[in-house]
Amino acid sequence: MSKIPDALRAGILALVLLGGVGGGYVVGEREQAIAAAEAKRNEYIQAVAEDTSTSTAVKIAMVMGSYYESSYRHIGDPYIDKLGKGQPLTVCNGITGPEVVLRYYTPTDCYRLEKARYIRSEAAAKRLLRLWDGYGAFTQATFIDFLHNKGEGAFASSTMLRKANAGDLVGACRENPRWNRGTVNGVSVALPGLMIRADANGELCEDGL
């Protein structure tokens, strides 16, 4: 049974339909209908699909992140992420850092912030993963999402990276489900949202082989 949530699958299919972003993904008639319905109501996915300055992997990763962080909703008011390390001020689709201040962020503001972060994560992935050019777009997207979500430090010291660089890409993909924990009241626990992200990324990573 697939561990990719239906809404995430629909978002990716909408991206495929709108932007011709296949990455090896075969779309049947039923899936085309689902994708068409999602595309009509999802302005974020439309913006990603229409951006010609980003790679297929970045486009897929941005749609993945939008689902994981906000279920495709626009979050323009900064909030305190009480489950995040240091409880950072957060806005849009999980964006933190010194540029996040207490003001309203328009969809355009969010897209600009997110795109810059994903491009940096892609650059880090290309630098760290020796066999990057041999990976499919979905596999690349899961590595970009990991770097965007967990950070370069976590990835650089991970078993996932070691296995990938040793040529064991299946083993690297199957490391994803291990990254499902967060700290709550000083205790490391498996968090539902991170479990969904980790499990779905593991499957998407292998789908891209």
Protein backbone atom coordinates (compact mmCIF):
# COMPACT_ATOMS: atom_id res chain seq x y z
CA MET A 1 0.00 0.00 0.00
CA SER A 2 1.34 3.41 -0.97
CA LYS A 3 2.49 5.74 1.81
CA ILE A 4 2.18 8.82 -0.40
CA PRO A 5 -0.90 10.80 0.77
CA ASP A 6 -3.59 11.24 -1.87
CA ALA A 7 -3.39 15.04 -1.67
CA LEU A 8 0.37 14.99 -2.25
CA ARG A 9 -0.03 12.61 -5.19
CA ALA A 10 -2.72 14.89 -6.66
CA GLY A 11 -0.44 17.91 -6.29
CA ILE A 12 2.44 16.19 -8.05
CA LEU A 13 0.11 15.02 -10.81
CA ALA A 14 -1.15 18.60 -11.21
CA LEU A 15 2.45 19.73 -11.64
CA VAL A 16 2.98 17.03 -14.26
CA LEU A 17 -0.14 18.15 -16.13
CA LEU A 18 0.54 21.89 -15.93
CA GLY A 19 4.23 21.96 -16.61
CA GLY A 20 5.02 18.82 -18.51
CA VAL A 21 7.13 17.77 -15.53
CA GLY A 22 7.28 14.02 -15.86
CA GLY A 23 10.43 12.81 -14.22
CA GLY A 24 9.53 9.32 -15.37
CA TYR A 25 6.02 9.48 -13.88
CA VAL A 26 3.39 7.86 -16.12
CA VAL A 27 -0.05 9.50 -15.87
CA GLY A 28 -3.16 7.47 -16.67
CA GLU A 29 -6.59 8.81 -17.62
CA ARG A 30 -7.97 8.70 -14.08
CA GLU A 31 -4.89 10.42 -12.70
CA GLN A 32 -5.14 13.09 -15.41
CA ALA A 33 -8.68 13.89 -14.22
CA ILE A 34 -7.51 14.16 -10.61
CA ALA A 35 -4.59 16.35 -11.65
CA ALA A 36 -6.81 18.62 -13.73
CA ALA A 37 -9.13 19.22 -10.78
CA GLU A 38 -6.20 19.98 -8.48
CA ALA A 39 -4.55 22.28 -11.02
CA LYS A 40 -7.67 24.42 -11.37
CA ARG A 41 -7.78 25.25 -7.65
CA ASN A 42 -4.12 25.35 -6.69
CA GLU A 43 -2.46 28.67 -7.55
CA TYR A 44 0.80 27.67 -5.87
CA ILE A 45 1.27 24.65 -8.09
CA GLN A 46 0.44 26.77 -11.12
CA ALA A 47 3.17 29.24 -10.13
CA VAL A 48 5.71 26.44 -9.68
CA ALA A 49 4.80 24.88 -13.02
CA GLU A 50 5.10 28.17 -14.88
CA ASP A 51 8.54 29.06 -13.46
CA THR A 52 10.99 28.22 -16.22
CA SER A 53 14.06 29.14 -14.16
CA THR A 54 14.02 26.06 -11.92
CA SER A 55 14.81 22.39 -12.51
CA THR A 56 12.25 19.61 -12.56
CA ALA A 57 13.59 18.34 -9.23
CA VAL A 58 13.16 21.75 -7.57
CA LYS A 59 9.62 22.03 -8.92
CA ILE A 60 8.69 18.63 -7.47
CA ALA A 61 10.38 19.43 -4.16
CA MET A 62 8.52 22.74 -3.85
CA VAL A 63 5.16 21.02 -4.36
CA MET A 64 6.16 18.37 -1.83
CA GLY A 65 7.16 21.04 0.69
CA SER A 66 3.95 22.97 0.18
CA TYR A 67 1.95 19.86 1.03
CA TYR A 68 4.09 18.82 4.02
CA GLU A 69 4.24 22.28 5.58
CA SER A 70 0.78 23.71 4.96
CA SER A 71 -1.39 21.21 3.03
CA TYR A 72 -1.14 23.66 0.09
CA ARG A 73 -2.55 26.57 2.10
CA HIS A 74 -1.01 30.05 1.96
CA ILE A 75 0.28 31.09 5.39
CA GLY A 76 1.12 34.78 5.26
CA ASP A 77 1.19 35.65 8.96
CA PRO A 78 4.39 34.60 10.81
CA TYR A 79 3.89 32.24 13.74
CA ILE A 80 6.03 30.59 16.40
CA ASP A 81 6.84 27.00 15.49
CA LYS A 82 6.57 25.44 18.95
CA LEU A 83 7.80 22.08 17.67
CA GLY A 84 10.78 23.52 15.81
CA LYS A 85 14.28 23.68 17.27
CA GLY A 86 14.47 26.98 19.13
CA GLN A 87 10.78 27.65 18.35
CA PRO A 88 11.61 29.89 15.39
CA LEU A 89 9.43 32.55 13.83
CA THR A 90 8.01 30.79 10.77
CA VAL A 91 6.00 31.84 7.72
CA CYS A 92 4.82 30.55 4.34
CA ASN A 93 5.76 26.88 3.85
CA GLY A 94 8.04 26.41 6.85
CA ILE A 95 10.40 29.33 6.16
CA THR A 96 12.51 30.51 9.11
CA GLY A 97 15.59 32.68 9.45
CA PRO A 98 16.61 36.32 9.89
CA GLU A 99 14.56 37.53 6.90
CA VAL A 100 11.31 36.43 8.61
CA VAL A 101 9.88 39.40 10.50
CA LEU A 102 6.48 40.28 11.90
CA ARG A 103 4.61 41.41 8.79
CA TYR A 104 2.20 39.84 6.34
CA TYR A 105 3.79 37.86 3.49
CA THR A 106 1.94 37.79 0.18
CA PRO A 107 1.96 34.67 -1.99
CA THR A 108 4.58 36.40 -4.15
CA ASP A 109 6.74 37.10 -1.07
CA CYS A 110 6.48 33.47 -0.01
CA TYR A 111 7.30 32.12 -3.44
CA ARG A 112 10.41 34.32 -3.63
CA LEU A 113 11.65 33.15 -0.22
CA GLU A 114 10.89 29.50 -0.86
CA LYS A 115 12.39 29.39 -4.34
CA ALA A 116 15.69 30.84 -3.12
CA ARG A 117 15.87 28.26 -0.32
CA TYR A 118 15.14 25.33 -2.63
CA ILE A 119 17.73 26.45 -5.16
CA ARG A 120 20.32 26.59 -2.35
CA SER A 121 19.30 23.10 -1.23
CA GLU A 122 19.66 21.81 -4.78
CA ALA A 123 23.14 23.34 -5.03
CA ALA A 124 24.12 21.62 -1.76
CA ALA A 125 22.75 18.31 -3.02
CA LYS A 126 24.77 18.59 -6.22
CA ARG A 127 27.90 19.35 -4.22
CA LEU A 128 27.47 16.53 -1.69
CA LEU A 129 26.03 13.73 -3.82
CA ARG A 130 28.69 12.36 -6.16
CA LEU A 131 26.23 10.51 -8.40
CA TRP A 132 23.63 13.29 -8.56
CA ASP A 133 23.33 13.45 -12.35
CA GLY A 134 22.40 9.76 -12.50
CA TYR A 135 19.32 10.14 -10.27
CA GLY A 136 15.77 10.58 -11.53
CA ALA A 137 13.90 13.81 -10.79
CA PHE A 138 11.80 12.33 -7.98
CA THR A 139 14.86 10.92 -6.24
CA GLN A 140 16.61 14.27 -6.59
CA ALA A 141 13.52 16.03 -5.23
CA THR A 142 13.51 13.95 -2.05
CA PHE A 143 17.15 14.83 -1.38
CA ILE A 144 16.36 18.51 -1.96
CA ASP A 145 13.39 18.27 0.41
CA PHE A 146 15.57 16.62 3.06
CA LEU A 147 18.17 19.38 2.83
CA HIS A 148 15.50 22.07 2.87
CA ASN A 149 13.80 20.55 5.92
CA LYS A 150 16.68 19.11 7.95
CA GLY A 151 19.60 21.27 6.86
CA GLU A 152 22.95 20.64 5.23
CA GLY A 153 24.65 19.68 8.49
CA ALA A 154 22.23 16.84 9.15
CA PHE A 155 22.53 15.57 5.60
CA ALA A 156 26.33 15.82 5.45
CA SER A 157 26.70 13.56 8.48
CA SER A 158 23.90 11.14 7.57
CA THR A 159 23.97 7.47 6.71
CA MET A 160 21.70 8.43 3.81
CA LEU A 161 24.50 10.42 2.18
CA ARG A 162 27.10 7.76 2.91
CA LYS A 163 25.00 5.04 1.28
CA ALA A 164 24.16 7.19 -1.73
CA ASN A 165 27.80 8.04 -2.36
CA ALA A 166 28.73 4.37 -1.98
CA GLY A 167 26.32 3.54 -4.82
CA ASP A 168 23.60 2.06 -2.57
CA LEU A 169 20.80 4.38 -3.65
CA VAL A 170 18.03 2.01 -2.59
CA GLY A 171 19.57 1.87 0.87
CA ALA A 172 19.84 5.66 0.90
CA CYS A 173 16.16 6.05 -0.02
CA ARG A 174 15.19 3.64 2.74
CA GLU A 175 16.91 5.84 5.32
CA ASN A 176 14.10 8.38 4.95
CA PRO A 177 11.61 6.70 7.34
CA ARG A 178 14.15 7.01 10.16
CA TRP A 179 13.93 10.83 10.03
CA ASN A 180 10.54 11.11 11.71
CA ARG A 181 11.44 12.48 15.12
CA GLY A 182 11.26 15.88 16.77
CA THR A 183 11.82 17.23 20.25
CA VAL A 184 8.79 17.88 22.45
CA ASN A 185 9.42 19.16 25.98
CA GLY A 186 13.02 18.06 25.71
CA VAL A 187 12.14 14.52 24.62
CA SER A 188 12.74 13.01 21.16
CA VAL A 189 9.46 11.59 19.84
CA ALA A 190 8.08 10.41 16.50
CA LEU A 191 5.81 13.18 15.19
CA PRO A 192 2.85 12.38 12.90
CA GLY A 193 3.70 15.06 10.34
CA LEU A 194 7.33 14.00 10.14
CA MET A 195 6.30 10.35 9.88
CA ILE A 196 4.14 11.14 6.85
CA ARG A 197 6.95 13.15 5.26
CA ALA A 198 9.61 10.53 5.95
CA ASP A 199 7.54 7.59 4.73
CA ALA A 200 6.30 9.36 1.60
CA ASN A 201 9.81 10.56 0.74
CA GLY A 202 11.15 7.06 1.06
CA GLU A 203 8.64 5.84 -1.49
CA LEU A 204 9.06 8.81 -3.84
CA CYS A 205 12.83 8.41 -3.67
CA GLU A 206 12.61 4.79 -4.83
CA ASP A 207 9.99 5.71 -7.46
CA GLY A 208 12.59 7.97 -9.06
CA LEU A 209 15.23 5.24 -9.49
